[in-house]
All heavy atoms as atom14 arrays in JSON, in Angstrom:
{
  "sequence": "NREVRDDFLRTLAFWADRGVDGFRIDVAHALTKDLTEPLPSHAELQ",
  "atom14_mask": [
    [1, 1, 1, 1, 1, 1, 1, 1, 0, 0, 0, 0, 0, 0],
    [1, 1, 1, 1, 1, 1, 1, 1, 1, 1, 1, 0, 0, 0],
    [1, 1, 1, 1, 1, 1, 1, 1, 1, 0, 0, 0, 0, 0],
    [1, 1, 1, 1, 1, 1, 1, 0, 0, 0, 0, 0, 0, 0],
    [1, 1, 1, 1, 1, 1, 1, 1, 1, 1, 1, 0, 0, 0],
    [1, 1, 1, 1, 1, 1, 1, 1, 0, 0, 0, 0, 0, 0],
    [1, 1, 1, 1, 1, 1, 1, 1, 0, 0, 0, 0, 0, 0],
    [1, 1, 1, 1, 1, 1, 1, 1, 1, 1, 1, 0, 0, 0],
    [1, 1, 1, 1, 1, 1, 1, 1, 0, 0, 0, 0, 0, 0],
    [1, 1, 1, 1, 1, 1, 1, 1, 1, 1, 1, 0, 0, 0],
    [1, 1, 1, 1, 1, 1, 1, 0, 0, 0, 0, 0, 0, 0],
    [1, 1, 1, 1, 1, 1, 1, 1, 0, 0, 0, 0, 0, 0],
    [1, 1, 1, 1, 1, 0, 0, 0, 0, 0, 0, 0, 0, 0],
    [1, 1, 1, 1, 1, 1, 1, 1, 1, 1, 1, 0, 0, 0],
    [1, 1, 1, 1, 1, 1, 1, 1, 1, 1, 1, 1, 1, 1],
    [1, 1, 1, 1, 1, 0, 0, 0, 0, 0, 0, 0, 0, 0],
    [1, 1, 1, 1, 1, 1, 1, 1, 0, 0, 0, 0, 0, 0],
    [1, 1, 1, 1, 1, 1, 1, 1, 1, 1, 1, 0, 0, 0],
    [1, 1, 1, 1, 0, 0, 0, 0, 0, 0, 0, 0, 0, 0],
    [1, 1, 1, 1, 1, 1, 1, 0, 0, 0, 0, 0, 0, 0],
    [1, 1, 1, 1, 1, 1, 1, 1, 0, 0, 0, 0, 0, 0],
    [1, 1, 1, 1, 0, 0, 0, 0, 0, 0, 0, 0, 0, 0],
    [1, 1, 1, 1, 1, 1, 1, 1, 1, 1, 1, 0, 0, 0],
    [1, 1, 1, 1, 1, 1, 1, 1, 1, 1, 1, 0, 0, 0],
    [1, 1, 1, 1, 1, 1, 1, 1, 0, 0, 0, 0, 0, 0],
    [1, 1, 1, 1, 1, 1, 1, 1, 0, 0, 0, 0, 0, 0],
    [1, 1, 1, 1, 1, 1, 1, 0, 0, 0, 0, 0, 0, 0],
    [1, 1, 1, 1, 1, 0, 0, 0, 0, 0, 0, 0, 0, 0],
    [1, 1, 1, 1, 1, 1, 1, 1, 1, 1, 0, 0, 0, 0],
    [1, 1, 1, 1, 1, 0, 0, 0, 0, 0, 0, 0, 0, 0],
    [1, 1, 1, 1, 1, 1, 1, 1, 0, 0, 0, 0, 0, 0],
    [1, 1, 1, 1, 1, 1, 1, 0, 0, 0, 0, 0, 0, 0],
    [1, 1, 1, 1, 1, 1, 1, 1, 1, 0, 0, 0, 0, 0],
    [1, 1, 1, 1, 1, 1, 1, 1, 0, 0, 0, 0, 0, 0],
    [1, 1, 1, 1, 1, 1, 1, 1, 0, 0, 0, 0, 0, 0],
    [1, 1, 1, 1, 1, 1, 1, 0, 0, 0, 0, 0, 0, 0],
    [1, 1, 1, 1, 1, 1, 1, 1, 1, 0, 0, 0, 0, 0],
    [1, 1, 1, 1, 1, 1, 1, 0, 0, 0, 0, 0, 0, 0],
    [1, 1, 1, 1, 1, 1, 1, 1, 0, 0, 0, 0, 0, 0],
    [1, 1, 1, 1, 1, 1, 1, 0, 0, 0, 0, 0, 0, 0],
    [1, 1, 1, 1, 1, 1, 0, 0, 0, 0, 0, 0, 0, 0],
    [1, 1, 1, 1, 1, 1, 1, 1, 1, 1, 0, 0, 0, 0],
    [1, 1, 1, 1, 1, 0, 0, 0, 0, 0, 0, 0, 0, 0],
    [1, 1, 1, 1, 1, 1, 1, 1, 1, 0, 0, 0, 0, 0],
    [1, 1, 1, 1, 1, 1, 1, 1, 0, 0, 0, 0, 0, 0],
    [1, 1, 1, 1, 1, 1, 1, 1, 1, 0, 0, 0, 0, 0]
  ],
  "atom14_positions": [
    [[-8.53, 5.01, 1.41], [-8.46, 6.47, 1.46], [-7.86, 7.06, 0.2], [-6.63, 6.73, -0.08], [-7.79, 7.0, 2.73], [-7.9, 8.49, 2.91], [-7.81, 9.23, 1.99], [-8.04, 8.9, 4.18], [0.0, 0.0, 0.0], [0.0, 0.0, 0.0], [0.0, 0.0, 0.0], [0.0, 0.0, 0.0], [0.0, 0.0, 0.0], [0.0, 0.0, 0.0]],
    [[-8.58, 7.81, -0.63], [-8.05, 8.39, -1.88], [-6.8, 9.24, -1.61], [-5.93, 9.3, -2.45], [-9.15, 9.15, -2.54], [-8.76, 9.68, -3.96], [-8.56, 8.51, -4.92], [-7.3, 8.51, -5.55], [-6.89, 7.59, -6.4], [-7.63, 6.69, -6.74], [-5.7, 7.57, -6.8], [0.0, 0.0, 0.0], [0.0, 0.0, 0.0], [0.0, 0.0, 0.0]],
    [[-6.8, 10.01, -0.52], [-5.74, 10.88, -0.21], [-4.39, 10.03, -0.1], [-3.3, 10.52, -0.55], [-5.96, 11.55, 1.08], [-4.92, 12.69, 1.34], [-5.12, 13.46, 2.59], [-6.21, 13.19, 3.3], [-4.5, 14.45, 2.82], [0.0, 0.0, 0.0], [0.0, 0.0, 0.0], [0.0, 0.0, 0.0], [0.0, 0.0, 0.0], [0.0, 0.0, 0.0]],
    [[-4.46, 8.85, 0.56], [-3.28, 7.95, 0.6], [-2.77, 7.58, -0.71], [-1.64, 7.62, -1.06], [-3.59, 6.76, 1.52], [-2.43, 5.76, 1.48], [-3.86, 7.14, 2.93], [0.0, 0.0, 0.0], [0.0, 0.0, 0.0], [0.0, 0.0, 0.0], [0.0, 0.0, 0.0], [0.0, 0.0, 0.0], [0.0, 0.0, 0.0], [0.0, 0.0, 0.0]],
    [[-3.72, 7.16, -1.59], [-3.34, 6.68, -2.9], [-2.68, 7.86, -3.72], [-1.62, 7.63, -4.42], [-4.57, 6.18, -3.65], [-5.22, 4.94, -2.98], [-6.22, 4.27, -3.78], [-6.88, 3.18, -3.04], [-7.4, 2.1, -3.61], [-7.42, 1.99, -4.93], [-7.94, 1.11, -2.84], [0.0, 0.0, 0.0], [0.0, 0.0, 0.0], [0.0, 0.0, 0.0]],
    [[-3.24, 9.04, -3.64], [-2.7, 10.1, -4.48], [-1.3, 10.53, -3.9], [-0.51, 10.86, -4.68], [-3.67, 11.33, -4.39], [-4.96, 11.12, -5.15], [-4.99, 10.19, -6.0], [-5.9, 11.78, -4.93], [0.0, 0.0, 0.0], [0.0, 0.0, 0.0], [0.0, 0.0, 0.0], [0.0, 0.0, 0.0], [0.0, 0.0, 0.0], [0.0, 0.0, 0.0]],
    [[-1.2, 10.46, -2.57], [0.15, 10.85, -2.06], [1.27, 9.92, -2.44], [2.35, 10.35, -2.78], [0.08, 10.98, -0.54], [1.25, 11.78, 0.07], [1.3, 13.0, -0.19], [2.11, 11.08, 0.71], [0.0, 0.0, 0.0], [0.0, 0.0, 0.0], [0.0, 0.0, 0.0], [0.0, 0.0, 0.0], [0.0, 0.0, 0.0], [0.0, 0.0, 0.0]],
    [[0.98, 8.62, -2.56], [1.99, 7.64, -3.0], [2.27, 7.82, -4.45], [3.47, 7.58, -4.98], [1.56, 6.26, -2.62], [2.19, 5.87, -1.31], [1.45, 6.03, -0.19], [3.45, 5.3, -1.21], [1.99, 5.72, 1.1], [4.0, 4.99, -0.08], [3.3, 5.13, 1.08], [0.0, 0.0, 0.0], [0.0, 0.0, 0.0], [0.0, 0.0, 0.0]],
    [[1.35, 8.26, -5.29], [1.65, 8.54, -6.68], [2.54, 9.76, -6.79], [3.43, 9.75, -7.62], [0.26, 8.83, -7.48], [-0.62, 7.7, -7.7], [-1.93, 8.09, -8.25], [0.14, 6.68, -8.64], [0.0, 0.0, 0.0], [0.0, 0.0, 0.0], [0.0, 0.0, 0.0], [0.0, 0.0, 0.0], [0.0, 0.0, 0.0], [0.0, 0.0, 0.0]],
    [[2.4, 10.7, -5.92], [3.33, 11.87, -5.89], [4.67, 11.43, -5.49], [5.77, 11.85, -6.0], [2.81, 12.87, -4.9], [1.6, 13.7, -5.46], [1.36, 14.99, -4.62], [0.74, 14.61, -3.38], [-0.62, 14.49, -3.24], [-1.41, 14.7, -4.19], [-1.07, 14.1, -1.99], [0.0, 0.0, 0.0], [0.0, 0.0, 0.0], [0.0, 0.0, 0.0]],
    [[4.79, 10.49, -4.41], [6.06, 9.99, -4.02], [6.81, 9.21, -5.2], [7.94, 9.44, -5.39], [5.9, 9.03, -2.8], [5.47, 9.81, -1.67], [7.17, 8.29, -2.38], [0.0, 0.0, 0.0], [0.0, 0.0, 0.0], [0.0, 0.0, 0.0], [0.0, 0.0, 0.0], [0.0, 0.0, 0.0], [0.0, 0.0, 0.0], [0.0, 0.0, 0.0]],
    [[6.08, 8.37, -5.85], [6.72, 7.66, -7.0], [7.22, 8.57, -8.0], [8.4, 8.42, -8.59], [5.68, 6.65, -7.55], [5.2, 5.55, -6.61], [4.06, 4.76, -7.11], [6.37, 4.57, -6.31], [0.0, 0.0, 0.0], [0.0, 0.0, 0.0], [0.0, 0.0, 0.0], [0.0, 0.0, 0.0], [0.0, 0.0, 0.0], [0.0, 0.0, 0.0]],
    [[6.49, 9.54, -8.32], [6.8, 10.58, -9.39], [8.05, 11.38, -8.91], [8.88, 11.7, -9.67], [5.67, 11.52, -9.66], [0.0, 0.0, 0.0], [0.0, 0.0, 0.0], [0.0, 0.0, 0.0], [0.0, 0.0, 0.0], [0.0, 0.0, 0.0], [0.0, 0.0, 0.0], [0.0, 0.0, 0.0], [0.0, 0.0, 0.0], [0.0, 0.0, 0.0]],
    [[8.0, 11.73, -7.64], [9.21, 12.4, -7.03], [10.52, 11.73, -7.32], [11.49, 12.33, -7.79], [9.03, 12.57, -5.55], [10.05, 13.34, -4.79], [10.12, 14.67, -4.63], [11.05, 12.59, -4.18], [11.18, 15.42, -4.01], [12.17, 13.17, -3.51], [12.21, 14.63, -3.48], [0.0, 0.0, 0.0], [0.0, 0.0, 0.0], [0.0, 0.0, 0.0]],
    [[10.52, 10.42, -7.12], [11.84, 9.68, -7.27], [12.0, 9.39, -8.72], [13.15, 9.45, -9.19], [11.8, 8.36, -6.36], [11.84, 8.76, -5.0], [10.88, 8.54, -4.05], [12.92, 9.32, -4.28], [11.22, 9.02, -2.81], [12.53, 9.46, -2.98], [14.17, 9.81, -4.57], [13.4, 10.04, -1.98], [15.04, 10.4, -3.68], [14.62, 10.52, -2.32]],
    [[10.97, 9.09, -9.47], [11.11, 8.92, -10.9], [11.69, 10.1, -11.65], [12.58, 10.01, -12.52], [9.81, 8.45, -11.54], [0.0, 0.0, 0.0], [0.0, 0.0, 0.0], [0.0, 0.0, 0.0], [0.0, 0.0, 0.0], [0.0, 0.0, 0.0], [0.0, 0.0, 0.0], [0.0, 0.0, 0.0], [0.0, 0.0, 0.0], [0.0, 0.0, 0.0]],
    [[11.21, 11.31, -11.12], [11.68, 12.55, -11.75], [13.13, 12.85, -11.45], [13.85, 13.5, -12.16], [10.83, 13.7, -11.3], [9.44, 13.71, -11.83], [9.18, 13.01, -12.81], [8.62, 14.39, -11.19], [0.0, 0.0, 0.0], [0.0, 0.0, 0.0], [0.0, 0.0, 0.0], [0.0, 0.0, 0.0], [0.0, 0.0, 0.0], [0.0, 0.0, 0.0]],
    [[13.68, 12.25, -10.33], [15.13, 12.33, -9.95], [15.94, 11.31, -10.68], [17.05, 11.23, -10.36], [15.22, 12.19, -8.44], [14.48, 13.31, -7.59], [14.89, 13.32, -6.19], [15.91, 14.19, -6.01], [15.81, 15.53, -5.65], [14.48, 15.98, -5.54], [16.76, 16.36, -5.43], [0.0, 0.0, 0.0], [0.0, 0.0, 0.0], [0.0, 0.0, 0.0]],
    [[15.34, 10.46, -11.58], [16.18, 9.48, -12.35], [16.1, 8.15, -11.79], [16.77, 7.32, -12.36], [0.0, 0.0, 0.0], [0.0, 0.0, 0.0], [0.0, 0.0, 0.0], [0.0, 0.0, 0.0], [0.0, 0.0, 0.0], [0.0, 0.0, 0.0], [0.0, 0.0, 0.0], [0.0, 0.0, 0.0], [0.0, 0.0, 0.0], [0.0, 0.0, 0.0]],
    [[15.27, 7.92, -10.87], [15.17, 6.5, -10.38], [14.58, 5.58, -11.48], [13.57, 6.04, -12.14], [14.27, 6.34, -9.08], [13.89, 4.97, -8.85], [15.05, 6.93, -7.89], [0.0, 0.0, 0.0], [0.0, 0.0, 0.0], [0.0, 0.0, 0.0], [0.0, 0.0, 0.0], [0.0, 0.0, 0.0], [0.0, 0.0, 0.0], [0.0, 0.0, 0.0]],
    [[15.22, 4.51, -11.76], [14.7, 3.6, -12.89], [13.75, 2.65, -12.4], [12.94, 2.1, -13.36], [15.91, 2.86, -13.33], [17.05, 3.83, -13.84], [16.88, 4.49, -14.91], [18.03, 4.01, -13.18], [0.0, 0.0, 0.0], [0.0, 0.0, 0.0], [0.0, 0.0, 0.0], [0.0, 0.0, 0.0], [0.0, 0.0, 0.0], [0.0, 0.0, 0.0]],
    [[13.53, 2.25, -11.16], [12.65, 1.23, -10.76], [12.43, 1.27, -9.25], [13.07, 1.92, -8.42], [0.0, 0.0, 0.0], [0.0, 0.0, 0.0], [0.0, 0.0, 0.0], [0.0, 0.0, 0.0], [0.0, 0.0, 0.0], [0.0, 0.0, 0.0], [0.0, 0.0, 0.0], [0.0, 0.0, 0.0], [0.0, 0.0, 0.0], [0.0, 0.0, 0.0]],
    [[11.41, 0.52, -8.83], [11.01, 0.49, -7.41], [10.84, -1.02, -6.95], [10.28, -1.78, -7.69], [9.71, 1.22, -7.25], [9.72, 2.66, -7.69], [9.4, 2.99, -8.99], [10.13, 3.66, -6.77], [9.55, 4.25, -9.48], [10.15, 4.99, -7.19], [9.88, 5.32, -8.56], [0.0, 0.0, 0.0], [0.0, 0.0, 0.0], [0.0, 0.0, 0.0]],
    [[11.28, -1.27, -5.75], [10.98, -2.52, -5.04], [9.85, -2.22, -4.07], [10.03, -1.29, -3.19], [12.24, -3.06, -4.32], [12.04, -4.31, -3.62], [11.79, -4.11, -2.13], [11.78, -5.38, -1.39], [11.49, -5.34, -0.04], [11.24, -4.38, 0.59], [11.47, -6.53, 0.54], [0.0, 0.0, 0.0], [0.0, 0.0, 0.0], [0.0, 0.0, 0.0]],
    [[8.8, -2.97, -4.14], [7.57, -2.62, -3.31], [7.5, -3.56, -2.13], [7.32, -4.77, -2.25], [6.32, -2.69, -4.14], [6.43, -1.97, -5.5], [5.11, -2.22, -3.4], [6.86, -0.56, -5.4], [0.0, 0.0, 0.0], [0.0, 0.0, 0.0], [0.0, 0.0, 0.0], [0.0, 0.0, 0.0], [0.0, 0.0, 0.0], [0.0, 0.0, 0.0]],
    [[7.78, -3.04, -0.92], [7.75, -3.77, 0.32], [6.37, -4.23, 0.63], [5.32, -3.52, 0.48], [8.33, -2.88, 1.44], [8.51, -3.63, 2.72], [9.26, -4.59, 2.73], [7.81, -3.33, 3.68], [0.0, 0.0, 0.0], [0.0, 0.0, 0.0], [0.0, 0.0, 0.0], [0.0, 0.0, 0.0], [0.0, 0.0, 0.0], [0.0, 0.0, 0.0]],
    [[6.16, -5.5, 1.04], [4.97, -6.07, 1.5], [3.78, -5.62, 0.61], [2.73, -5.18, 0.99], [4.59, -5.63, 2.93], [3.46, -6.54, 3.53], [5.86, -5.63, 3.87], [0.0, 0.0, 0.0], [0.0, 0.0, 0.0], [0.0, 0.0, 0.0], [0.0, 0.0, 0.0], [0.0, 0.0, 0.0], [0.0, 0.0, 0.0], [0.0, 0.0, 0.0]],
    [[4.04, -5.97, -0.74], [3.09, -5.42, -1.8], [1.79, -6.11, -1.68], [0.69, -5.58, -2.2], [3.71, -5.76, -3.16], [0.0, 0.0, 0.0], [0.0, 0.0, 0.0], [0.0, 0.0, 0.0], [0.0, 0.0, 0.0], [0.0, 0.0, 0.0], [0.0, 0.0, 0.0], [0.0, 0.0, 0.0], [0.0, 0.0, 0.0], [0.0, 0.0, 0.0]],
    [[1.63, -7.19, -0.93], [0.4, -7.99, -0.86], [-0.47, -7.56, 0.31], [-1.62, -8.08, 0.41], [0.67, -9.51, -0.76], [1.4, -9.8, 0.5], [2.67, -9.29, 0.72], [1.18, -10.67, 1.58], [3.18, -9.77, 1.9], [2.18, -10.57, 2.44], [0.0, 0.0, 0.0], [0.0, 0.0, 0.0], [0.0, 0.0, 0.0], [0.0, 0.0, 0.0]],
    [[-0.08, -6.53, 1.09], [-0.86, -6.24, 2.33], [-1.52, -4.9, 2.34], [-2.14, -4.55, 3.36], [0.14, -6.3, 3.56], [0.0, 0.0, 0.0], [0.0, 0.0, 0.0], [0.0, 0.0, 0.0], [0.0, 0.0, 0.0], [0.0, 0.0, 0.0], [0.0, 0.0, 0.0], [0.0, 0.0, 0.0], [0.0, 0.0, 0.0], [0.0, 0.0, 0.0]],
    [[-1.56, -4.14, 1.26], [-2.1, -2.82, 1.33], [-3.52, -2.72, 1.6], [-4.1, -2.03, 2.55], [-1.73, -1.98, 0.04], [-0.42, -1.4, -0.1], [0.76, -2.37, 0.14], [-0.21, -0.7, -1.38], [0.0, 0.0, 0.0], [0.0, 0.0, 0.0], [0.0, 0.0, 0.0], [0.0, 0.0, 0.0], [0.0, 0.0, 0.0], [0.0, 0.0, 0.0]],
    [[-4.39, -3.37, 0.71], [-5.86, -3.31, 1.02], [-6.35, -4.42, 1.91], [-5.86, -5.55, 1.99], [-6.57, -3.55, -0.47], [-6.17, -4.8, -0.97], [-6.22, -2.41, -1.36], [0.0, 0.0, 0.0], [0.0, 0.0, 0.0], [0.0, 0.0, 0.0], [0.0, 0.0, 0.0], [0.0, 0.0, 0.0], [0.0, 0.0, 0.0], [0.0, 0.0, 0.0]],
    [[-7.35, -3.95, 2.77], [-7.82, -4.84, 3.8], [-9.34, -4.79, 3.97], [-9.92, -3.72, 3.61], [-7.14, -4.39, 5.21], [-5.6, -4.45, 5.16], [-5.04, -3.8, 6.44], [-3.57, -3.91, 6.54], [-2.83, -3.02, 5.38], [0.0, 0.0, 0.0], [0.0, 0.0, 0.0], [0.0, 0.0, 0.0], [0.0, 0.0, 0.0], [0.0, 0.0, 0.0]],
    [[-9.85, -5.83, 4.35], [-11.36, -5.84, 4.57], [-11.52, -5.91, 6.05], [-11.31, -6.99, 6.75], [-11.99, -7.12, 3.97], [-13.51, -7.21, 4.24], [-14.07, -6.33, 4.88], [-14.09, -8.34, 3.98], [0.0, 0.0, 0.0], [0.0, 0.0, 0.0], [0.0, 0.0, 0.0], [0.0, 0.0, 0.0], [0.0, 0.0, 0.0], [0.0, 0.0, 0.0]],
    [[-12.0, -4.71, 6.71], [-12.12, -4.66, 8.09], [-13.57, -4.48, 8.52], [-13.92, -3.86, 9.52], [-11.33, -3.42, 8.57], [-9.8, -3.61, 8.38], [-9.01, -2.39, 8.95], [-9.32, -4.87, 9.04], [0.0, 0.0, 0.0], [0.0, 0.0, 0.0], [0.0, 0.0, 0.0], [0.0, 0.0, 0.0], [0.0, 0.0, 0.0], [0.0, 0.0, 0.0]],
    [[-14.41, -5.0, 7.74], [-15.91, -4.91, 7.97], [-16.15, -5.92, 9.19], [-15.52, -6.84, 9.35], [-16.74, -5.3, 6.85], [-16.35, -6.63, 6.34], [-16.62, -4.36, 5.67], [0.0, 0.0, 0.0], [0.0, 0.0, 0.0], [0.0, 0.0, 0.0], [0.0, 0.0, 0.0], [0.0, 0.0, 0.0], [0.0, 0.0, 0.0], [0.0, 0.0, 0.0]],
    [[-17.05, -5.53, 10.04], [-17.46, -6.29, 11.25], [-18.43, -7.39, 10.82], [-19.13, -7.39, 9.81], [-18.26, -5.36, 12.19], [-17.39, -4.15, 12.69], [-16.39, -4.51, 13.71], [-16.36, -5.62, 14.2], [-15.53, -3.74, 13.99], [0.0, 0.0, 0.0], [0.0, 0.0, 0.0], [0.0, 0.0, 0.0], [0.0, 0.0, 0.0], [0.0, 0.0, 0.0]],
    [[-18.25, -8.5, 11.51], [-17.42, -8.8, 12.61], [-15.96, -9.21, 12.11], [-15.84, -9.85, 11.14], [-18.12, -10.03, 13.32], [-18.8, -10.8, 12.33], [-19.23, -9.65, 11.29], [0.0, 0.0, 0.0], [0.0, 0.0, 0.0], [0.0, 0.0, 0.0], [0.0, 0.0, 0.0], [0.0, 0.0, 0.0], [0.0, 0.0, 0.0], [0.0, 0.0, 0.0]],
    [[-15.03, -8.9, 12.84], [-13.62, -9.11, 12.52], [-13.22, -10.52, 12.9], [-13.7, -10.96, 13.99], [-12.7, -8.11, 13.02], [-12.84, -6.67, 12.55], [-11.93, -5.73, 13.37], [-12.47, -6.53, 11.12], [0.0, 0.0, 0.0], [0.0, 0.0, 0.0], [0.0, 0.0, 0.0], [0.0, 0.0, 0.0], [0.0, 0.0, 0.0], [0.0, 0.0, 0.0]],
    [[-12.52, -11.25, 12.12], [-12.11, -12.62, 12.45], [-11.07, -12.6, 13.62], [-10.39, -11.59, 13.97], [-11.52, -13.15, 11.22], [-10.94, -11.94, 10.57], [-11.94, -10.86, 10.84], [0.0, 0.0, 0.0], [0.0, 0.0, 0.0], [0.0, 0.0, 0.0], [0.0, 0.0, 0.0], [0.0, 0.0, 0.0], [0.0, 0.0, 0.0], [0.0, 0.0, 0.0]],
    [[-10.93, -13.76, 14.27], [-9.99, -13.93, 15.29], [-8.43, -14.14, 14.72], [-8.38, -14.36, 13.52], [-10.28, -15.18, 16.16], [-10.06, -16.36, 15.35], [0.0, 0.0, 0.0], [0.0, 0.0, 0.0], [0.0, 0.0, 0.0], [0.0, 0.0, 0.0], [0.0, 0.0, 0.0], [0.0, 0.0, 0.0], [0.0, 0.0, 0.0], [0.0, 0.0, 0.0]],
    [[-7.5, -14.1, 15.52], [-6.17, -14.31, 15.07], [-6.06, -15.78, 14.48], [-5.53, -15.96, 13.51], [-5.17, -14.18, 16.2], [-3.78, -14.33, 15.67], [-3.05, -13.5, 14.86], [-2.84, -15.37, 15.97], [-1.87, -13.98, 14.7], [-1.71, -15.1, 15.34], [0.0, 0.0, 0.0], [0.0, 0.0, 0.0], [0.0, 0.0, 0.0], [0.0, 0.0, 0.0]],
    [[-6.61, -16.67, 15.13], [-6.6, -18.12, 14.74], [-7.21, -18.18, 13.3], [-6.76, -18.97, 12.44], [-7.29, -19.01, 15.64], [0.0, 0.0, 0.0], [0.0, 0.0, 0.0], [0.0, 0.0, 0.0], [0.0, 0.0, 0.0], [0.0, 0.0, 0.0], [0.0, 0.0, 0.0], [0.0, 0.0, 0.0], [0.0, 0.0, 0.0], [0.0, 0.0, 0.0]],
    [[-8.34, -17.5, 13.06], [-9.0, -17.62, 11.75], [-8.12, -16.97, 10.56], [-7.98, -17.46, 9.56], [-10.32, -16.91, 11.85], [-11.39, -17.66, 12.62], [-12.6, -16.86, 12.91], [-12.49, -15.59, 13.03], [-13.69, -17.43, 13.0], [0.0, 0.0, 0.0], [0.0, 0.0, 0.0], [0.0, 0.0, 0.0], [0.0, 0.0, 0.0], [0.0, 0.0, 0.0]],
    [[-7.42, -15.83, 11.01], [-6.49, -15.16, 10.06], [-5.26, -16.13, 9.71], [-4.8, -16.13, 8.62], [-5.92, -13.9, 10.61], [-6.85, -12.7, 10.71], [-6.23, -11.54, 11.26], [-7.33, -12.34, 9.23], [0.0, 0.0, 0.0], [0.0, 0.0, 0.0], [0.0, 0.0, 0.0], [0.0, 0.0, 0.0], [0.0, 0.0, 0.0], [0.0, 0.0, 0.0]],
    [[-4.89, -16.98, 10.7], [-3.71, -17.81, 10.5], [-4.06, -19.08, 9.61], [-3.06, -19.84, 9.36], [-3.31, -18.31, 11.86], [-2.56, -17.19, 12.67], [-1.33, -16.53, 12.04], [-1.44, -15.54, 11.36], [-0.24, -17.29, 12.12], [0.0, 0.0, 0.0], [0.0, 0.0, 0.0], [0.0, 0.0, 0.0], [0.0, 0.0, 0.0], [0.0, 0.0, 0.0]]
  ]
}
């Protein structure tokens, strides 16, 4: 969703504008997902 991406850019700028020097990105590897059908089972994901 483009709205999600744009809102996080605003968040990053909000803190950078307040003098924040850097960011630690939580669970950075999990943002994008492929949820096209059919979805795999939990065992397949594991």
